[in-house]
């Protein structure tokens, strides 16, 4: 029935192992080498990503620190500007008050002078006013 030919079996085994040897050298080894290089590249890229993420976090911390410093400095500048503006406004207000007080004093002095002049005029014309008043009283 089945006859096994030992020569043919050995020849087939030699051809099979030769084929496996050539396929291993020509196809499998380069393919495995390529896959290993790709895995190494992916691993190094992952390490670079982790390192870069650390650098990014450090840069973000520095940026946040700079921003907070700038905000505090801006607040100080704003506060000093407000203080200077208040001082300048207070000085201008003081100058304006002094000018108003000077005008008020001048007005009071002028009023005193007018009062004295009116008194002297009334005293000088007192007899005329008395005569005029007596005349009017007589007519009533």
N, C-alpha and C. Protein backbone atom coordinates (compact mmCIF):
# COMPACT_ATOMS: atom_id res chain seq x y z
N UNK A 1 0.78 -1.17 0.00
CA UNK A 1 0.00 0.00 0.00
C UNK A 1 0.85 1.27 0.00
N UNK A 2 1.24 1.67 1.15
CA UNK A 2 2.09 2.84 1.16
C UNK A 2 3.51 2.38 1.26
N UNK A 3 4.21 2.78 0.36
CA UNK A 3 5.62 2.45 0.35
C UNK A 3 6.39 3.71 0.72
N UNK A 4 7.21 3.69 1.73
CA UNK A 4 8.00 4.84 2.14
C UNK A 4 9.37 4.64 1.57
N UNK A 5 9.75 5.64 0.76
CA UNK A 5 11.05 5.61 0.13
C UNK A 5 11.98 6.44 1.00
N UNK A 6 13.00 5.77 1.54
CA UNK A 6 13.91 6.41 2.46
C UNK A 6 14.73 7.50 1.77
N UNK A 7 15.14 7.35 0.58
CA UNK A 7 15.93 8.34 -0.17
C UNK A 7 15.12 9.60 -0.42
N UNK A 8 13.85 9.39 -0.80
CA UNK A 8 12.96 10.51 -1.06
C UNK A 8 12.66 11.25 0.24
N UNK A 9 12.51 10.54 1.33
CA UNK A 9 12.24 11.13 2.63
C UNK A 9 13.42 11.99 3.08
N UNK A 10 14.64 11.50 2.89
CA UNK A 10 15.84 12.24 3.27
C UNK A 10 15.99 13.46 2.37
N UNK A 11 15.75 13.30 1.08
CA UNK A 11 15.85 14.42 0.14
C UNK A 11 14.83 15.50 0.52
N UNK A 12 13.60 15.12 0.84
CA UNK A 12 12.56 16.09 1.23
C UNK A 12 12.96 16.79 2.52
N UNK A 13 13.53 16.04 3.47
CA UNK A 13 13.95 16.64 4.73
C UNK A 13 15.08 17.64 4.49
N UNK A 14 16.03 17.29 3.60
CA UNK A 14 17.14 18.20 3.28
C UNK A 14 16.61 19.45 2.61
N UNK A 15 15.67 19.30 1.67
CA UNK A 15 15.09 20.46 0.99
C UNK A 15 14.33 21.32 2.00
N UNK A 16 13.58 20.72 2.90
CA UNK A 16 12.80 21.46 3.91
C UNK A 16 13.72 22.26 4.84
N UNK A 17 14.75 21.61 5.36
CA UNK A 17 15.66 22.30 6.28
C UNK A 17 16.47 23.38 5.57
N UNK A 18 16.83 23.12 4.30
CA UNK A 18 17.53 24.14 3.51
C UNK A 18 16.62 25.35 3.30
N UNK A 19 15.35 25.07 2.99
CA UNK A 19 14.37 26.14 2.80
C UNK A 19 14.19 26.93 4.09
N UNK A 20 14.09 26.24 5.22
CA UNK A 20 13.95 26.91 6.51
C UNK A 20 15.19 27.75 6.79
N UNK A 21 16.37 27.23 6.50
CA UNK A 21 17.62 27.96 6.72
C UNK A 21 17.64 29.24 5.88
N UNK A 22 17.34 29.15 4.57
CA UNK A 22 17.36 30.33 3.70
C UNK A 22 16.27 31.32 4.08
N UNK A 23 15.09 30.80 4.40
CA UNK A 23 14.03 31.71 4.82
C UNK A 23 14.41 32.42 6.12
N UNK A 24 15.05 31.71 7.01
CA UNK A 24 15.49 32.31 8.26
C UNK A 24 16.51 33.41 7.99
N UNK A 25 17.48 33.16 7.14
CA UNK A 25 18.52 34.15 6.84
C UNK A 25 18.00 35.30 5.99
N UNK A 26 17.15 35.02 5.03
CA UNK A 26 16.72 36.04 4.08
C UNK A 26 15.49 36.80 4.57
N UNK A 27 14.54 36.12 5.22
CA UNK A 27 13.27 36.75 5.55
C UNK A 27 13.09 36.98 7.05
N UNK A 28 13.21 35.94 7.85
CA UNK A 28 12.85 36.05 9.26
C UNK A 28 13.82 36.91 10.06
N UNK A 29 15.11 36.75 9.89
CA UNK A 29 16.09 37.54 10.64
C UNK A 29 15.96 39.03 10.33
N UNK A 30 15.91 39.45 9.03
CA UNK A 30 15.72 40.88 8.76
C UNK A 30 14.39 41.41 9.31
N UNK A 31 13.34 40.59 9.22
CA UNK A 31 12.04 41.00 9.73
C UNK A 31 12.09 41.16 11.25
N UNK A 32 12.69 40.23 11.95
CA UNK A 32 12.83 40.34 13.39
C UNK A 32 13.73 41.51 13.78
N UNK A 33 14.79 41.75 12.99
CA UNK A 33 15.66 42.90 13.25
C UNK A 33 14.92 44.21 13.06
N UNK A 34 14.13 44.29 12.02
CA UNK A 34 13.32 45.49 11.77
C UNK A 34 12.33 45.71 12.91
N UNK A 35 11.68 44.64 13.35
CA UNK A 35 10.72 44.75 14.44
C UNK A 35 11.40 45.17 15.74
N UNK A 36 12.61 44.68 15.98
CA UNK A 36 13.36 45.05 17.18
C UNK A 36 13.75 46.53 17.13
N UNK A 37 14.22 46.98 15.93
CA UNK A 37 14.58 48.40 15.77
C UNK A 37 13.36 49.29 16.00
N UNK A 38 12.22 48.86 15.46
CA UNK A 38 10.99 49.63 15.62
C UNK A 38 10.57 49.69 17.09
N UNK A 39 10.69 48.58 17.80
CA UNK A 39 10.36 48.55 19.22
C UNK A 39 11.30 49.45 20.02
N UNK A 40 12.60 49.42 19.68
CA UNK A 40 13.56 50.29 20.34
C UNK A 40 13.25 51.76 20.06
N UNK A 41 12.87 52.06 18.82
CA UNK A 41 12.53 53.43 18.44
C UNK A 41 11.29 53.90 19.21
N UNK A 42 10.31 53.05 19.31
CA UNK A 42 9.09 53.39 20.06
C UNK A 42 9.43 53.62 21.53
N UNK A 43 10.29 52.78 22.08
CA UNK A 43 10.69 52.92 23.49
C UNK A 43 11.43 54.24 23.70
N UNK A 44 12.34 54.58 22.78
CA UNK A 44 13.09 55.84 22.94
C UNK A 44 12.16 57.04 22.75
N UNK A 45 11.18 56.92 21.84
CA UNK A 45 10.21 58.00 21.67
C UNK A 45 9.36 58.19 22.92
N UNK A 46 9.00 57.10 23.56
CA UNK A 46 8.23 57.19 24.81
C UNK A 46 9.05 57.87 25.91
N UNK A 47 10.35 57.54 25.97
CA UNK A 47 11.23 58.18 26.95
C UNK A 47 11.34 59.67 26.66
N UNK A 48 11.46 60.03 25.36
CA UNK A 48 11.54 61.43 24.98
C UNK A 48 10.24 62.16 25.33
N UNK A 49 9.13 61.48 25.13
CA UNK A 49 7.83 62.09 25.46
C UNK A 49 7.75 62.37 26.95
N UNK A 50 8.17 61.40 27.76
CA UNK A 50 8.14 61.60 29.20
C UNK A 50 9.07 62.73 29.62
N UNK A 51 10.24 62.78 29.00
CA UNK A 51 11.19 63.84 29.33
C UNK A 51 10.63 65.19 28.88
N UNK A 52 10.03 65.22 27.68
CA UNK A 52 9.45 66.47 27.20
C UNK A 52 8.27 66.90 28.05
N UNK A 53 7.47 65.95 28.50
CA UNK A 53 6.34 66.33 29.35
C UNK A 53 6.84 66.91 30.66
N UNK A 54 7.95 66.36 31.17
CA UNK A 54 8.57 66.94 32.37
C UNK A 54 9.08 68.35 32.10
N UNK A 55 9.69 68.54 30.92
CA UNK A 55 10.16 69.87 30.55
C UNK A 55 9.00 70.84 30.39
N UNK A 56 7.92 70.35 29.81
CA UNK A 56 6.74 71.20 29.61
C UNK A 56 6.16 71.60 30.96
N UNK A 57 6.09 70.65 31.89
CA UNK A 57 5.58 70.97 33.22
C UNK A 57 6.48 71.99 33.91
N UNK A 58 7.78 71.83 33.78
CA UNK A 58 8.71 72.79 34.38
C UNK A 58 8.53 74.16 33.73
N UNK A 59 8.36 74.17 32.41
CA UNK A 59 8.16 75.44 31.71
C UNK A 59 6.84 76.09 32.12
N UNK A 60 5.81 75.28 32.31
CA UNK A 60 4.52 75.82 32.77
C UNK A 60 4.64 76.40 34.17
N UNK A 61 5.38 75.73 35.03
CA UNK A 61 5.59 76.25 36.38
C UNK A 61 6.33 77.59 36.33
N UNK A 62 7.37 77.65 35.48
CA UNK A 62 8.11 78.91 35.33
C UNK A 62 7.20 80.00 34.79
N UNK A 63 6.39 79.65 33.78
CA UNK A 63 5.48 80.64 33.20
C UNK A 63 4.47 81.12 34.23
N UNK A 64 3.91 80.19 35.01
CA UNK A 64 2.95 80.58 36.05
C UNK A 64 3.61 81.45 37.11
N UNK A 65 4.85 81.13 37.45
CA UNK A 65 5.59 81.95 38.41
C UNK A 65 5.82 83.35 37.86
N UNK A 66 6.22 83.43 36.58
CA UNK A 66 6.43 84.73 35.95
C UNK A 66 5.13 85.53 35.89
N UNK A 67 4.04 84.84 35.59
CA UNK A 67 2.75 85.53 35.51
C UNK A 67 2.34 86.05 36.88
N UNK A 68 2.51 85.23 37.90
CA UNK A 68 2.14 85.68 39.25
C UNK A 68 3.03 86.84 39.70
N UNK A 69 4.32 86.77 39.37
CA UNK A 69 5.23 87.89 39.70
C UNK A 69 4.82 89.15 38.96
N UNK A 70 4.47 88.99 37.69
CA UNK A 70 4.05 90.15 36.90
C UNK A 70 2.75 90.74 37.44
N UNK A 71 1.83 89.87 37.86
CA UNK A 71 0.57 90.37 38.43
C UNK A 71 0.82 91.13 39.73
N UNK A 72 1.68 90.59 40.58
CA UNK A 72 1.95 91.28 41.85
C UNK A 72 2.67 92.60 41.60
N UNK A 73 3.58 92.60 40.63
CA UNK A 73 4.28 93.85 40.30
C UNK A 73 3.32 94.87 39.71
N UNK A 74 2.40 94.40 38.86
CA UNK A 74 1.39 95.30 38.29
C UNK A 74 0.50 95.86 39.39
N UNK A 75 0.16 95.03 40.37
CA UNK A 75 -0.67 95.51 41.48
C UNK A 75 0.08 96.57 42.28
N UNK A 76 1.39 96.36 42.50
CA UNK A 76 2.19 97.35 43.22
C UNK A 76 2.26 98.66 42.44
N UNK A 77 2.47 98.54 41.13
CA UNK A 77 2.56 99.74 40.29
C UNK A 77 1.22 100.48 40.31
N UNK A 78 0.13 99.71 40.19
CA UNK A 78 -1.20 100.32 40.21
C UNK A 78 -1.45 101.00 41.54
N UNK A 79 -1.06 100.34 42.63
CA UNK A 79 -1.26 100.90 43.96
C UNK A 79 -0.46 102.19 44.14
N UNK A 80 0.79 102.18 43.68
CA UNK A 80 1.61 103.39 43.80
C UNK A 80 1.06 104.50 42.93
N UNK A 81 0.54 104.16 41.74
CA UNK A 81 -0.05 105.18 40.87
C UNK A 81 -1.30 105.78 41.52
N UNK A 82 -2.11 104.93 42.13
CA UNK A 82 -3.31 105.43 42.81
C UNK A 82 -2.91 106.33 43.98
N UNK A 83 -1.89 105.92 44.72
CA UNK A 83 -1.43 106.73 45.85
C UNK A 83 -0.91 108.08 45.37
N UNK A 84 -0.12 108.07 44.31
CA UNK A 84 0.39 109.33 43.77
C UNK A 84 -0.75 110.21 43.26
N UNK A 85 -1.74 109.59 42.62
CA UNK A 85 -2.88 110.36 42.10
C UNK A 85 -3.67 110.97 43.26
N UNK A 86 -3.85 110.19 44.35
CA UNK A 86 -4.56 110.72 45.51
C UNK A 86 -3.79 111.88 46.13
N UNK A 87 -2.46 111.73 46.22
CA UNK A 87 -1.64 112.81 46.79
C UNK A 87 -1.73 114.06 45.92
N UNK A 88 -1.66 113.87 44.60
CA UNK A 88 -1.76 115.02 43.70
C UNK A 88 -3.14 115.67 43.81
N UNK A 89 -4.18 114.86 43.90
CA UNK A 89 -5.53 115.40 44.04
C UNK A 89 -5.67 116.14 45.37
N UNK A 90 -5.08 115.59 46.43
CA UNK A 90 -5.14 116.26 47.73
C UNK A 90 -4.41 117.60 47.69
N UNK A 91 -3.27 117.64 47.01
CA UNK A 91 -2.53 118.91 46.88
C UNK A 91 -3.34 119.92 46.08
N UNK A 92 -3.94 119.49 44.98
CA UNK A 92 -4.76 120.39 44.18
C UNK A 92 -5.96 120.88 44.97
N UNK A 93 -6.56 119.98 45.77
CA UNK A 93 -7.70 120.35 46.60
C UNK A 93 -7.27 121.37 47.65
N UNK A 94 -6.10 121.15 48.24
CA UNK A 94 -5.60 122.08 49.24
C UNK A 94 -5.34 123.45 48.62
N UNK A 95 -4.77 123.46 47.43
CA UNK A 95 -4.52 124.72 46.73
C UNK A 95 -5.83 125.42 46.42
N UNK A 96 -6.82 124.65 45.96
CA UNK A 96 -8.12 125.23 45.64
C UNK A 96 -8.79 125.77 46.90
N UNK A 97 -8.68 125.04 48.03
CA UNK A 97 -9.26 125.51 49.29
C UNK A 97 -8.59 126.80 49.74
N UNK A 98 -7.27 126.86 49.60
CA UNK A 98 -6.56 128.09 49.98
C UNK A 98 -7.01 129.26 49.11
N UNK A 99 -7.19 128.99 47.81
CA UNK A 99 -7.63 130.05 46.91
C UNK A 99 -9.04 130.52 47.29
N UNK A 100 -9.90 129.57 47.64
CA UNK A 100 -11.27 129.93 48.04
C UNK A 100 -11.25 130.70 49.36
N UNK A 101 -10.41 130.26 50.31
CA UNK A 101 -10.31 130.98 51.58
C UNK A 101 -9.78 132.39 51.37
N UNK A 102 -8.81 132.54 50.49
CA UNK A 102 -8.28 133.87 50.19
C UNK A 102 -9.37 134.76 49.58
N UNK A 103 -10.15 134.19 48.65
CA UNK A 103 -11.25 134.96 48.05
C UNK A 103 -12.29 135.32 49.10
N UNK A 104 -12.55 134.35 50.01
CA UNK A 104 -13.53 134.59 51.07
C UNK A 104 -13.05 135.71 51.98
N UNK A 105 -11.76 135.65 52.36
CA UNK A 105 -11.20 136.70 53.21
C UNK A 105 -11.25 138.06 52.50
N UNK A 106 -10.93 138.05 51.21
CA UNK A 106 -10.99 139.30 50.45
C UNK A 106 -12.43 139.82 50.39
N UNK A 107 -13.40 138.92 50.23
CA UNK A 107 -14.80 139.31 50.19
C UNK A 107 -15.24 139.88 51.54
N UNK A 108 -14.79 139.22 52.64
CA UNK A 108 -15.13 139.74 53.97
C UNK A 108 -14.53 141.12 54.19
N UNK A 109 -13.29 141.30 53.76
CA UNK A 109 -12.65 142.61 53.91
C UNK A 109 -13.38 143.67 53.08
N UNK A 110 -13.78 143.28 51.89
CA UNK A 110 -14.54 144.21 51.04
C UNK A 110 -15.89 144.53 51.67
N UNK A 111 -16.50 143.48 52.26
CA UNK A 111 -17.79 143.66 52.93
C UNK A 111 -17.64 144.59 54.14
N UNK A 112 -16.55 144.42 54.90
CA UNK A 112 -16.28 145.32 56.03
C UNK A 112 -16.13 146.76 55.54
N UNK A 113 -15.40 146.88 54.45
CA UNK A 113 -15.20 148.22 53.90
C UNK A 113 -16.53 148.81 53.45
N UNK A 114 -17.36 148.03 52.80
CA UNK A 114 -18.68 148.52 52.35
C UNK A 114 -19.55 148.86 53.56
N UNK A 115 -19.44 148.07 54.63
CA UNK A 115 -20.23 148.31 55.83
C UNK A 115 -19.83 149.62 56.48
N UNK A 116 -18.51 149.81 56.56
CA UNK A 116 -18.02 151.05 57.15
C UNK A 116 -18.44 152.25 56.29
N UNK A 117 -18.36 152.09 54.99
CA UNK A 117 -18.75 153.17 54.09
C UNK A 117 -20.25 153.45 54.22
N UNK A 118 -21.05 152.39 54.36
CA UNK A 118 -22.49 152.54 54.51
C UNK A 118 -22.81 153.22 55.83
N UNK A 119 -22.07 152.85 56.89
CA UNK A 119 -22.27 153.48 58.19
C UNK A 119 -21.97 154.97 58.13
N UNK A 120 -20.84 155.26 57.52
CA UNK A 120 -20.47 156.68 57.43
C UNK A 120 -21.47 157.44 56.58
N UNK A 121 -21.96 156.83 55.55
CA UNK A 121 -22.96 157.48 54.69
C UNK A 121 -24.27 157.67 55.44
N UNK A 122 -24.65 156.65 56.24
CA UNK A 122 -25.87 156.76 57.03
C UNK A 122 -25.73 157.83 58.12
N UNK A 123 -24.58 157.86 58.75
CA UNK A 123 -24.35 158.87 59.79
C UNK A 123 -24.35 160.26 59.18
N UNK A 124 -23.75 160.38 58.02
CA UNK A 124 -23.70 161.70 57.39
C UNK A 124 -25.07 162.14 56.88
N UNK A 125 -25.89 161.20 56.49
CA UNK A 125 -27.22 161.53 55.97
C UNK A 125 -28.30 161.28 57.02
N UNK A 126 -27.96 161.16 58.26
CA UNK A 126 -28.91 160.85 59.31
C UNK A 126 -29.93 161.97 59.50
N UNK A 127 -29.49 163.15 59.46
CA UNK A 127 -30.42 164.28 59.63
C UNK A 127 -31.42 164.32 58.49
N UNK A 128 -30.99 164.01 57.30
CA UNK A 128 -31.89 163.99 56.14
C UNK A 128 -32.91 162.89 56.30
N UNK A 129 -32.49 161.77 56.76
CA UNK A 129 -33.40 160.65 56.95
C UNK A 129 -34.39 160.95 58.08
N UNK A 130 -33.93 161.60 59.12
CA UNK A 130 -34.81 161.93 60.23
C UNK A 130 -35.87 162.92 59.78
N UNK A 131 -35.48 163.89 59.03
CA UNK A 131 -36.43 164.88 58.51
C UNK A 131 -37.45 164.23 57.60
N UNK A 132 -36.98 163.36 56.77
CA UNK A 132 -37.87 162.67 55.83
C UNK A 132 -38.84 161.78 56.59
N UNK A 133 -38.38 161.14 57.64
CA UNK A 133 -39.22 160.27 58.44
C UNK A 133 -40.26 161.09 59.22
N UNK A 134 -39.85 162.19 59.76
CA UNK A 134 -40.79 163.04 60.50
C UNK A 134 -41.84 163.59 59.56
N UNK A 135 -41.47 163.89 58.37
CA UNK A 135 -42.41 164.40 57.38
C UNK A 135 -43.43 163.33 57.03
N UNK A 136 -43.01 162.17 56.88
CA UNK A 136 -43.92 161.08 56.54
C UNK A 136 -44.83 160.76 57.70
N UNK A 137 -44.30 160.82 58.91
CA UNK A 137 -45.14 160.59 60.08
C UNK A 137 -46.19 161.67 60.27
N UNK A 138 -45.87 162.83 59.95
CA UNK A 138 -46.82 163.93 60.04
C UNK A 138 -47.92 163.75 59.01
N UNK A 139 -47.60 163.21 57.89
CA UNK A 139 -48.60 163.03 56.82
C UNK A 139 -49.55 161.88 57.15
N UNK A 140 -49.24 161.08 58.01
CA UNK A 140 -50.09 159.91 58.31
C UNK A 140 -51.13 160.29 59.28
